[in-house]
Amino acid sequence: MSRPNPAPSASTPWWREGFMWLVLGGPAVVVVAGVATVVIATRGADTLLPTRPVQLERSAAPAMQGRNHAVTPLPAPAAAR
């Protein structure tokens, strides 16, 4: 049993087709999101850190010395020499 061909529908302009908006809308949203990402990244960029090392403040020196002393290796026992 064969079905008869439906009557050809009237042609509508491309902007009135829902599927065409889906085809063009997806990539358009991606482009807008990419431009927004670039704008956010350039306007909110962090400042560069100075290249020379910063001297320790005097108040932090005892804590730094204690931390460094805690990780120093123990001297070798005399019998192992």
N, C-alpha and C. Protein backbone atom coordinates (compact mmCIF):
# COMPACT_ATOMS: atom_id res chain seq x y z
N MET A 1 0.83 -1.15 0.00
CA MET A 1 0.00 0.00 0.00
C MET A 1 0.89 1.23 0.00
N SER A 2 0.70 2.08 -0.90
CA SER A 2 1.52 3.30 -0.99
C SER A 2 0.68 4.51 -0.58
N ARG A 3 1.38 5.44 0.01
CA ARG A 3 0.70 6.67 0.42
C ARG A 3 0.82 7.70 -0.68
N PRO A 4 -0.20 8.44 -0.87
CA PRO A 4 -0.09 9.50 -1.88
C PRO A 4 0.82 10.62 -1.37
N ASN A 5 1.51 11.24 -2.28
CA ASN A 5 2.39 12.36 -1.92
C ASN A 5 1.55 13.51 -1.37
N PRO A 6 1.97 14.06 -0.24
CA PRO A 6 1.21 15.21 0.29
C PRO A 6 1.37 16.41 -0.64
N ALA A 7 0.42 17.26 -0.54
CA ALA A 7 0.47 18.46 -1.38
C ALA A 7 1.66 19.31 -0.95
N PRO A 8 2.42 19.83 -1.90
CA PRO A 8 3.56 20.66 -1.52
C PRO A 8 3.10 21.91 -0.77
N SER A 9 3.77 22.16 0.35
CA SER A 9 3.38 23.31 1.15
C SER A 9 3.98 24.58 0.55
N ALA A 10 3.38 25.66 0.92
CA ALA A 10 3.87 26.94 0.42
C ALA A 10 5.24 27.21 1.04
N SER A 11 6.14 27.73 0.26
CA SER A 11 7.49 28.01 0.72
C SER A 11 7.47 29.23 1.65
N THR A 12 8.13 29.09 2.80
CA THR A 12 8.19 30.21 3.74
C THR A 12 9.60 30.76 3.75
N PRO A 13 9.77 32.02 4.11
CA PRO A 13 11.11 32.59 4.17
C PRO A 13 11.95 31.88 5.23
N TRP A 14 13.26 31.94 5.09
CA TRP A 14 14.16 31.20 5.98
C TRP A 14 14.06 31.67 7.42
N TRP A 15 13.75 32.94 7.63
CA TRP A 15 13.72 33.44 9.01
C TRP A 15 12.46 33.00 9.76
N ARG A 16 11.51 32.41 9.04
CA ARG A 16 10.30 31.92 9.70
C ARG A 16 10.38 30.42 10.00
N GLU A 17 11.48 29.81 9.66
CA GLU A 17 11.68 28.39 9.95
C GLU A 17 12.36 28.25 11.30
N GLY A 18 11.79 27.48 12.20
CA GLY A 18 12.36 27.30 13.53
C GLY A 18 13.69 26.57 13.52
N PHE A 19 13.83 25.58 12.64
CA PHE A 19 15.08 24.82 12.60
C PHE A 19 16.24 25.69 12.14
N MET A 20 15.99 26.65 11.28
CA MET A 20 17.07 27.53 10.82
C MET A 20 17.60 28.38 11.96
N TRP A 21 16.74 28.81 12.87
CA TRP A 21 17.21 29.58 14.03
C TRP A 21 18.05 28.70 14.94
N LEU A 22 17.73 27.42 15.01
CA LEU A 22 18.53 26.50 15.80
C LEU A 22 19.91 26.32 15.17
N VAL A 23 19.96 26.21 13.87
CA VAL A 23 21.24 26.02 13.16
C VAL A 23 22.11 27.26 13.28
N LEU A 24 21.54 28.44 13.14
CA LEU A 24 22.33 29.67 13.22
C LEU A 24 22.51 30.16 14.65
N GLY A 25 21.55 29.86 15.51
CA GLY A 25 21.60 30.37 16.88
C GLY A 25 22.68 29.73 17.73
N GLY A 26 22.91 28.44 17.57
CA GLY A 26 23.94 27.76 18.36
C GLY A 26 25.33 28.35 18.17
N PRO A 27 25.83 28.41 16.94
CA PRO A 27 27.14 29.03 16.73
C PRO A 27 27.18 30.51 17.10
N ALA A 28 26.08 31.22 16.93
CA ALA A 28 26.06 32.64 17.30
C ALA A 28 26.22 32.81 18.81
N VAL A 29 25.58 31.95 19.58
CA VAL A 29 25.72 32.01 21.04
C VAL A 29 27.15 31.71 21.45
N VAL A 30 27.80 30.76 20.79
CA VAL A 30 29.18 30.41 21.10
C VAL A 30 30.11 31.58 20.79
N VAL A 31 29.89 32.27 19.69
CA VAL A 31 30.73 33.42 19.34
C VAL A 31 30.55 34.54 20.37
N VAL A 32 29.33 34.82 20.76
CA VAL A 32 29.08 35.87 21.75
C VAL A 32 29.72 35.49 23.09
N ALA A 33 29.62 34.24 23.49
CA ALA A 33 30.23 33.80 24.75
C ALA A 33 31.75 33.89 24.68
N GLY A 34 32.34 33.59 23.53
CA GLY A 34 33.79 33.71 23.37
C GLY A 34 34.25 35.15 23.47
N VAL A 35 33.53 36.06 22.84
CA VAL A 35 33.88 37.48 22.92
C VAL A 35 33.73 37.97 24.36
N ALA A 36 32.68 37.55 25.04
CA ALA A 36 32.49 37.95 26.43
C ALA A 36 33.62 37.42 27.31
N THR A 37 34.08 36.21 27.05
CA THR A 37 35.19 35.64 27.82
C THR A 37 36.46 36.43 27.61
N VAL A 38 36.73 36.82 26.37
CA VAL A 38 37.94 37.62 26.09
C VAL A 38 37.85 38.97 26.78
N VAL A 39 36.70 39.60 26.75
CA VAL A 39 36.54 40.91 27.40
C VAL A 39 36.74 40.78 28.91
N ILE A 40 36.16 39.76 29.52
CA ILE A 40 36.33 39.56 30.96
C ILE A 40 37.79 39.28 31.29
N ALA A 41 38.46 38.49 30.47
CA ALA A 41 39.85 38.14 30.74
C ALA A 41 40.78 39.34 30.60
N THR A 42 40.51 40.23 29.65
CA THR A 42 41.41 41.36 29.47
C THR A 42 41.13 42.47 30.47
N ARG A 43 39.89 42.68 30.82
CA ARG A 43 39.58 43.75 31.78
C ARG A 43 39.89 43.34 33.21
N GLY A 44 39.77 42.08 33.54
CA GLY A 44 40.00 41.61 34.90
C GLY A 44 41.34 40.94 35.08
N ALA A 45 42.30 41.25 34.21
CA ALA A 45 43.61 40.59 34.29
C ALA A 45 44.33 41.00 35.56
N ASP A 46 44.98 40.03 36.18
CA ASP A 46 45.76 40.31 37.37
C ASP A 46 47.02 41.07 36.99
N THR A 47 47.51 41.86 37.92
CA THR A 47 48.76 42.58 37.66
C THR A 47 49.92 41.61 37.80
N LEU A 48 51.00 41.92 37.13
CA LEU A 48 52.17 41.06 37.18
C LEU A 48 52.87 41.21 38.52
N LEU A 49 53.43 40.12 38.98
CA LEU A 49 54.19 40.16 40.22
C LEU A 49 55.58 40.69 39.94
N PRO A 50 56.19 41.35 40.91
CA PRO A 50 57.55 41.83 40.70
C PRO A 50 58.50 40.64 40.55
N THR A 51 59.55 40.84 39.75
CA THR A 51 60.48 39.73 39.49
C THR A 51 61.53 39.59 40.58
N ARG A 52 61.85 40.64 41.28
CA ARG A 52 62.86 40.51 42.33
C ARG A 52 62.21 40.01 43.61
N PRO A 53 62.92 39.21 44.38
CA PRO A 53 62.31 38.66 45.60
C PRO A 53 62.06 39.74 46.64
N VAL A 54 60.99 39.57 47.35
CA VAL A 54 60.61 40.52 48.39
C VAL A 54 61.30 40.11 49.69
N GLN A 55 61.88 41.09 50.37
CA GLN A 55 62.54 40.77 51.63
C GLN A 55 61.49 40.44 52.68
N LEU A 56 61.86 39.53 53.55
CA LEU A 56 60.94 39.13 54.61
C LEU A 56 60.79 40.25 55.62
N GLU A 57 59.60 40.37 56.12
CA GLU A 57 59.38 41.34 57.18
C GLU A 57 60.03 40.82 58.45
N ARG A 58 60.43 41.73 59.31
CA ARG A 58 61.08 41.31 60.55
C ARG A 58 60.15 40.49 61.43
N SER A 59 58.87 40.74 61.37
CA SER A 59 57.94 40.00 62.22
C SER A 59 57.80 38.55 61.77
N ALA A 60 58.05 38.26 60.50
CA ALA A 60 57.92 36.89 60.00
C ALA A 60 59.22 36.11 60.12
N ALA A 61 60.32 36.75 60.44
CA ALA A 61 61.62 36.08 60.48
C ALA A 61 61.66 34.94 61.50
N PRO A 62 61.19 35.08 62.74
CA PRO A 62 61.26 33.95 63.67
C PRO A 62 60.46 32.74 63.19
N ALA A 63 59.31 32.96 62.62
CA ALA A 63 58.51 31.85 62.12
C ALA A 63 59.21 31.15 60.97
N MET A 64 59.83 31.91 60.10
CA MET A 64 60.56 31.32 58.98
C MET A 64 61.76 30.52 59.48
N GLN A 65 62.47 31.04 60.48
CA GLN A 65 63.61 30.31 61.02
C GLN A 65 63.16 29.01 61.67
N GLY A 66 62.07 29.05 62.41
CA GLY A 66 61.55 27.84 63.03
C GLY A 66 61.11 26.82 62.01
N ARG A 67 60.46 27.27 60.96
CA ARG A 67 60.02 26.36 59.91
C ARG A 67 61.21 25.72 59.22
N ASN A 68 62.21 26.53 58.90
CA ASN A 68 63.38 26.00 58.22
C ASN A 68 64.16 25.05 59.13
N HIS A 69 64.22 25.34 60.44
CA HIS A 69 64.94 24.47 61.36
C HIS A 69 64.22 23.13 61.51
N ALA A 70 62.91 23.14 61.43
CA ALA A 70 62.14 21.90 61.60
C ALA A 70 62.38 20.92 60.47
N VAL A 71 62.76 21.38 59.31
CA VAL A 71 62.96 20.48 58.17
C VAL A 71 64.43 20.19 57.90
N THR A 72 65.33 20.71 58.71
CA THR A 72 66.75 20.40 58.49
C THR A 72 67.01 18.97 58.90
N PRO A 73 67.86 18.28 58.17
CA PRO A 73 68.14 16.88 58.52
C PRO A 73 68.96 16.80 59.81
N LEU A 74 68.80 15.69 60.48
CA LEU A 74 69.57 15.45 61.70
C LEU A 74 71.01 15.11 61.32
N PRO A 75 71.97 15.48 62.16
CA PRO A 75 73.35 15.10 61.86
C PRO A 75 73.50 13.59 61.94
N ALA A 76 74.42 13.07 61.16
CA ALA A 76 74.65 11.62 61.13
C ALA A 76 75.23 11.18 62.47
N PRO A 77 74.83 10.02 62.97
CA PRO A 77 75.40 9.52 64.22
C PRO A 77 76.90 9.26 64.06
N ALA A 78 77.63 9.37 65.16
CA ALA A 78 79.08 9.20 65.13
C ALA A 78 79.47 7.78 64.76
N ALA A 79 78.69 6.78 65.10
CA ALA A 79 79.04 5.38 64.83
C ALA A 79 78.92 5.07 63.34
N ALA A 80 78.12 5.78 62.61
CA ALA A 80 77.93 5.50 61.19
C ALA A 80 79.06 6.05 60.34
N ARG A 81 79.89 6.90 60.88
CA ARG A 81 80.96 7.50 60.09
C ARG A 81 82.07 6.58 59.84
